[in-house]
N, C-alpha and C. Protein backbone atom coordinates (compact mmCIF):
# COMPACT_ATOMS: atom_id res chain seq x y z
N MET A 1 -28.50 5.34 7.65
CA MET A 1 -28.36 4.89 6.13
C MET A 1 -26.94 4.44 6.02
N PHE A 2 -26.33 5.09 6.56
CA PHE A 2 -24.69 5.18 6.70
C PHE A 2 -24.35 3.81 7.18
N VAL A 3 -24.88 2.86 8.21
CA VAL A 3 -24.44 1.96 8.39
C VAL A 3 -24.31 0.99 7.69
N ILE A 4 -25.54 0.79 7.08
CA ILE A 4 -25.87 -0.57 5.57
C ILE A 4 -24.57 -0.17 4.57
N ASN A 5 -24.52 1.51 4.50
CA ASN A 5 -23.78 1.59 3.45
C ASN A 5 -21.94 1.34 4.06
N ASN A 6 -21.90 1.53 4.88
CA ASN A 6 -20.30 1.34 5.55
C ASN A 6 -20.65 -0.47 5.04
N PHE A 7 -20.89 -1.25 5.94
CA PHE A 7 -21.03 -2.48 6.10
C PHE A 7 -21.25 -3.06 4.60
N ILE A 8 -21.87 -2.69 3.72
CA ILE A 8 -22.07 -3.46 2.21
C ILE A 8 -20.53 -2.85 1.56
N LEU A 9 -19.77 -1.95 1.91
CA LEU A 9 -18.90 -0.93 1.49
C LEU A 9 -17.44 -2.42 2.25
N ALA A 10 -17.62 -2.95 3.73
CA ALA A 10 -16.76 -3.46 4.25
C ALA A 10 -16.81 -4.89 3.63
N LEU A 11 -17.78 -5.18 3.31
CA LEU A 11 -18.27 -6.90 2.84
C LEU A 11 -17.69 -6.47 1.43
N ALA A 12 -17.74 -5.45 0.38
CA ALA A 12 -17.06 -5.04 -1.09
C ALA A 12 -15.44 -5.65 -0.76
N LYS A 13 -15.24 -5.09 0.00
CA LYS A 13 -13.56 -5.23 0.44
C LYS A 13 -13.16 -6.29 0.75
N ILE A 14 -13.88 -7.28 2.07
CA ILE A 14 -13.55 -8.16 1.97
C ILE A 14 -13.57 -9.00 0.95
N LEU A 15 -14.91 -8.99 0.11
CA LEU A 15 -14.40 -10.03 -0.47
C LEU A 15 -13.71 -9.75 -1.54
N ASP A 16 -13.46 -8.45 -1.85
CA ASP A 16 -11.95 -8.44 -2.88
C ASP A 16 -10.89 -8.84 -2.32
N VAL A 17 -10.22 -8.80 -1.25
CA VAL A 17 -8.99 -9.60 -0.43
C VAL A 17 -9.18 -10.70 -0.53
N ALA A 18 -10.96 -11.15 -0.50
CA ALA A 18 -10.23 -12.64 0.00
C ALA A 18 -10.40 -13.51 -1.58
N LEU A 19 -11.16 -12.58 -2.83
CA LEU A 19 -10.74 -12.94 -4.01
C LEU A 19 -9.35 -13.07 -4.64
N THR A 20 -8.44 -11.73 -4.06
CA THR A 20 -7.16 -11.95 -4.54
C THR A 20 -6.54 -13.02 -4.00
N ILE A 21 -6.33 -12.92 -2.33
CA ILE A 21 -5.48 -14.34 -2.35
C ILE A 21 -5.75 -15.65 -2.50
N TYR A 22 -6.71 -15.93 -3.15
CA TYR A 22 -7.30 -17.32 -3.27
C TYR A 22 -7.38 -17.01 -4.86
N THR A 23 -6.91 -15.99 -5.36
CA THR A 23 -6.45 -16.17 -6.75
C THR A 23 -4.94 -17.07 -6.55
N PHE A 24 -4.00 -15.73 -5.58
CA PHE A 24 -2.97 -16.43 -5.45
C PHE A 24 -2.22 -17.96 -5.02
N ILE A 25 -3.46 -18.29 -4.55
CA ILE A 25 -3.55 -19.76 -3.75
C ILE A 25 -3.22 -20.39 -5.09
N ILE A 26 -4.16 -20.28 -6.36
CA ILE A 26 -3.85 -20.92 -7.30
C ILE A 26 -3.02 -21.03 -8.07
N ILE A 27 -2.30 -20.10 -7.80
CA ILE A 27 -1.00 -19.90 -8.48
C ILE A 27 0.13 -20.27 -7.75
N PHE A 28 0.18 -20.33 -7.46
CA PHE A 28 0.76 -21.37 -5.85
C PHE A 28 1.04 -22.63 -6.25
N ARG A 29 -0.67 -23.34 -6.08
CA ARG A 29 -0.91 -24.30 -6.84
C ARG A 29 -0.36 -24.97 -8.20
N ALA A 30 -0.43 -23.87 -8.85
CA ALA A 30 -0.31 -24.20 -10.58
C ALA A 30 1.29 -24.14 -10.12
N VAL A 31 2.33 -22.92 -9.75
CA VAL A 31 3.48 -23.56 -9.64
C VAL A 31 4.48 -24.67 -8.95
N ILE A 32 3.55 -24.93 -8.21
CA ILE A 32 4.13 -26.00 -7.10
C ILE A 32 3.67 -27.68 -8.19
N SER A 33 2.74 -27.37 -9.09
CA SER A 33 2.18 -28.96 -9.86
C SER A 33 3.40 -28.85 -10.72
N TRP A 34 4.34 -27.87 -11.14
CA TRP A 34 5.73 -28.37 -12.50
C TRP A 34 6.23 -28.96 -11.45
N VAL A 35 6.20 -28.98 -10.65
CA VAL A 35 7.47 -29.77 -9.96
C VAL A 35 6.77 -30.52 -9.52
N ASN A 36 7.81 -31.78 -8.68
CA ASN A 36 7.27 -33.17 -8.21
C ASN A 36 7.32 -32.65 -6.59
N PRO A 37 6.74 -32.12 -6.22
CA PRO A 37 6.42 -31.98 -4.59
C PRO A 37 5.85 -32.84 -3.60
N ASP A 38 6.31 -33.33 -2.88
CA ASP A 38 6.18 -34.01 -1.75
C ASP A 38 4.42 -34.12 -1.18
N PRO A 39 3.97 -35.27 -1.60
CA PRO A 39 2.49 -34.96 -1.35
C PRO A 39 1.83 -35.17 0.12
N TYR A 40 3.56 -34.91 1.39
CA TYR A 40 2.90 -35.36 2.31
C TYR A 40 3.35 -33.91 3.02
N ASN A 41 4.03 -33.11 2.33
CA ASN A 41 3.92 -32.20 2.96
C ASN A 41 2.98 -30.91 3.53
N PRO A 42 3.07 -30.47 4.13
CA PRO A 42 1.44 -29.30 4.99
C PRO A 42 1.53 -28.79 4.27
N ILE A 43 2.01 -27.57 3.72
CA ILE A 43 2.08 -26.48 2.39
C ILE A 43 1.23 -26.91 1.68
N VAL A 44 1.54 -28.39 0.47
CA VAL A 44 1.21 -28.64 -0.26
C VAL A 44 -0.07 -29.50 0.21
N VAL A 45 -0.16 -30.22 0.94
CA VAL A 45 -2.16 -31.11 1.49
C VAL A 45 -2.39 -29.60 1.81
N PHE A 46 -1.85 -28.37 2.32
CA PHE A 46 -3.38 -27.29 2.18
C PHE A 46 -3.61 -26.32 1.03
N LEU A 47 -2.58 -26.34 -0.30
CA LEU A 47 -2.55 -25.87 -1.42
C LEU A 47 -3.85 -26.90 -2.16
N TYR A 48 -3.67 -28.46 -1.74
CA TYR A 48 -4.24 -28.77 -2.76
C TYR A 48 -6.16 -29.09 -1.92
N ARG A 49 -5.81 -29.10 -0.37
CA ARG A 49 -7.00 -29.24 0.18
C ARG A 49 -8.24 -27.82 -0.39
N VAL A 50 -7.60 -27.17 -0.62
CA VAL A 50 -8.24 -25.57 -0.65
C VAL A 50 -8.63 -25.27 -2.31
N THR A 51 -8.10 -25.88 -3.06
CA THR A 51 -8.02 -25.36 -4.15
C THR A 51 -8.97 -26.83 -4.96
N GLU A 52 -8.84 -27.86 -4.64
CA GLU A 52 -9.19 -29.09 -5.45
C GLU A 52 -10.34 -29.04 -5.28
N PRO A 53 -11.54 -28.34 -4.70
CA PRO A 53 -13.16 -28.34 -4.78
C PRO A 53 -12.97 -27.39 -5.78
N VAL A 54 -12.40 -26.27 -6.15
CA VAL A 54 -13.22 -25.41 -6.87
C VAL A 54 -12.21 -26.09 -8.31
N LEU A 55 -11.03 -26.44 -8.76
CA LEU A 55 -10.60 -26.88 -9.63
C LEU A 55 -11.42 -28.31 -10.16
N ARG A 56 -11.98 -28.64 -9.55
CA ARG A 56 -12.32 -29.93 -10.11
C ARG A 56 -14.04 -29.94 -11.37
N PRO A 57 -14.71 -29.35 -10.55
CA PRO A 57 -15.57 -29.61 -11.51
C PRO A 57 -15.19 -28.77 -13.00
N ILE A 58 -14.29 -27.77 -12.95
CA ILE A 58 -13.57 -27.46 -14.14
C ILE A 58 -13.04 -28.26 -15.35
N ARG A 59 -12.10 -29.32 -14.57
CA ARG A 59 -11.08 -30.62 -15.07
C ARG A 59 -12.66 -31.18 -15.57
N ARG A 60 -13.58 -31.59 -14.70
CA ARG A 60 -14.75 -32.57 -15.62
C ARG A 60 -15.82 -32.00 -16.51
N LEU A 61 -15.27 -30.51 -16.78
CA LEU A 61 -16.19 -30.43 -18.37
C LEU A 61 -15.63 -30.87 -19.56
N PRO A 62 -16.06 -31.58 -20.47
CA PRO A 62 -16.05 -32.29 -21.54
C PRO A 62 -15.17 -31.54 -22.31
N PHE A 63 -14.94 -30.30 -22.65
CA PHE A 63 -14.41 -29.83 -23.42
C PHE A 63 -12.74 -29.41 -23.53
N LEU A 64 -12.66 -29.73 -21.76
CA LEU A 64 -11.20 -29.63 -21.39
C LEU A 64 -10.47 -30.79 -21.17
N ARG A 65 -10.85 -32.31 -21.45
CA ARG A 65 -10.91 -33.56 -20.84
C ARG A 65 -9.33 -33.34 -21.80
N ASN A 66 -9.53 -33.37 -23.15
CA ASN A 66 -8.62 -34.11 -24.07
C ASN A 66 -7.44 -32.87 -24.56
N LEU A 67 -7.68 -31.61 -24.14
CA LEU A 67 -6.29 -30.86 -24.16
C LEU A 67 -4.92 -31.34 -23.83
N GLY A 68 -4.56 -32.46 -23.20
CA GLY A 68 -3.71 -33.10 -22.64
C GLY A 68 -2.74 -31.57 -21.67
N ILE A 69 -3.30 -30.53 -21.29
CA ILE A 69 -2.40 -29.88 -20.69
C ILE A 69 -3.48 -29.42 -19.66
N ASP A 70 -4.09 -29.20 -18.06
CA ASP A 70 -4.79 -28.68 -17.31
C ASP A 70 -4.62 -26.81 -17.04
N ILE A 71 -5.96 -26.35 -17.20
CA ILE A 71 -6.17 -25.09 -18.24
C ILE A 71 -7.28 -24.59 -16.83
N SER A 72 -7.52 -25.88 -16.22
CA SER A 72 -8.72 -25.43 -14.84
C SER A 72 -7.85 -23.79 -14.28
N PRO A 73 -6.70 -24.11 -14.01
CA PRO A 73 -6.59 -22.76 -12.99
C PRO A 73 -6.75 -21.76 -13.53
N VAL A 74 -6.35 -21.20 -14.95
CA VAL A 74 -6.96 -20.45 -15.49
C VAL A 74 -7.98 -20.35 -15.90
N ILE A 75 -8.82 -20.80 -15.82
CA ILE A 75 -10.42 -20.16 -16.36
C ILE A 75 -10.86 -20.21 -14.68
N VAL A 76 -10.45 -20.39 -13.50
CA VAL A 76 -10.64 -19.87 -12.24
C VAL A 76 -10.50 -18.91 -11.84
N ILE A 77 -9.26 -18.72 -12.23
CA ILE A 77 -8.62 -17.13 -11.77
C ILE A 77 -9.61 -16.38 -13.10
N LEU A 78 -9.94 -16.50 -14.35
CA LEU A 78 -10.35 -15.66 -15.05
C LEU A 78 -11.93 -15.26 -14.55
N ILE A 79 -12.91 -16.62 -13.67
CA ILE A 79 -13.41 -16.24 -13.24
C ILE A 79 -13.74 -15.33 -11.93
N ILE A 80 -12.67 -15.65 -11.25
CA ILE A 80 -12.44 -14.63 -10.24
C ILE A 80 -12.21 -13.57 -10.32
N PHE A 81 -11.32 -13.50 -11.43
CA PHE A 81 -11.40 -11.96 -12.32
C PHE A 81 -12.79 -11.68 -12.54
N PHE A 82 -13.89 -11.85 -13.06
CA PHE A 82 -15.19 -11.27 -13.87
C PHE A 82 -15.61 -11.01 -11.92
N LEU A 83 -15.83 -11.93 -11.24
CA LEU A 83 -16.31 -11.96 -10.18
C LEU A 83 -15.52 -10.70 -9.62
N GLN A 84 -14.28 -10.12 -9.04
CA GLN A 84 -13.66 -9.19 -8.83
C GLN A 84 -14.32 -8.24 -9.48
N TYR A 85 -14.57 -8.04 -10.77
CA TYR A 85 -14.90 -6.51 -11.57
C TYR A 85 -16.17 -6.60 -11.37
N PHE A 86 -16.98 -7.60 -11.06
CA PHE A 86 -18.34 -6.80 -11.47
C PHE A 86 -19.11 -7.06 -10.48
N LEU A 87 -18.67 -8.19 -9.38
CA LEU A 87 -19.63 -8.25 -8.09
C LEU A 87 -19.35 -7.11 -6.71
N VAL A 88 -18.29 -7.12 -7.41
CA VAL A 88 -16.77 -6.21 -5.87
C VAL A 88 -17.64 -4.92 -6.25
N GLN A 89 -17.80 -4.88 -7.55
CA GLN A 89 -17.92 -3.48 -8.16
C GLN A 89 -19.32 -2.86 -7.95
N THR A 90 -19.98 -3.78 -8.40
CA THR A 90 -21.35 -3.48 -7.94
C THR A 90 -21.80 -3.60 -5.94
N LEU A 91 -21.50 -3.74 -5.62
CA LEU A 91 -21.57 -3.48 -4.58
C LEU A 91 -20.83 -2.43 -3.67
N THR A 92 -19.97 -2.11 -4.00
CA THR A 92 -19.35 -0.34 -4.23
C THR A 92 -20.16 0.35 -4.79
N ASP A 93 -20.43 -0.21 -5.96
CA ASP A 93 -21.69 1.07 -6.28
C ASP A 93 -22.70 1.65 -5.74
N LEU A 94 -23.76 -0.01 -5.13
CA LEU A 94 -24.27 -0.14 -4.25
C LEU A 94 -24.77 0.72 -3.27
N ALA A 95 -22.89 0.64 -2.39
CA ALA A 95 -22.93 1.26 -0.97
C ALA A 95 -23.12 2.91 -1.34
N SER A 96 -22.26 3.14 -2.21
CA SER A 96 -21.96 4.57 -3.01
C SER A 96 -23.90 5.22 -3.10
N ARG A 97 -24.43 4.34 -3.25
CA ARG A 97 -26.05 5.22 -3.59
C ARG A 97 -26.92 5.33 -2.78
N LEU A 98 -26.74 4.18 -1.53
CA LEU A 98 -27.51 4.41 -0.48
C LEU A 98 -27.01 5.49 0.36
């Protein structure tokens, strides 16, 4: 049983780190969007390729289209926080009960 326990705990920690890194990537993308970045810069291309598949569906929500400001990064970060507090904590609790 300790093998399954350690596996689930490791999975929870890796998921937590991955979600934290993705949060910072979204923050960097939002900060870069405030200036006029070079669209051919490799860093800018990477940030757009990594974040656009997640941000695009949020932007398409009907109640967010007419705001005049893009709050999709804020919504995605809130979803990531929810996943960190709910999913990661649930996996950690599951591992401790096995």
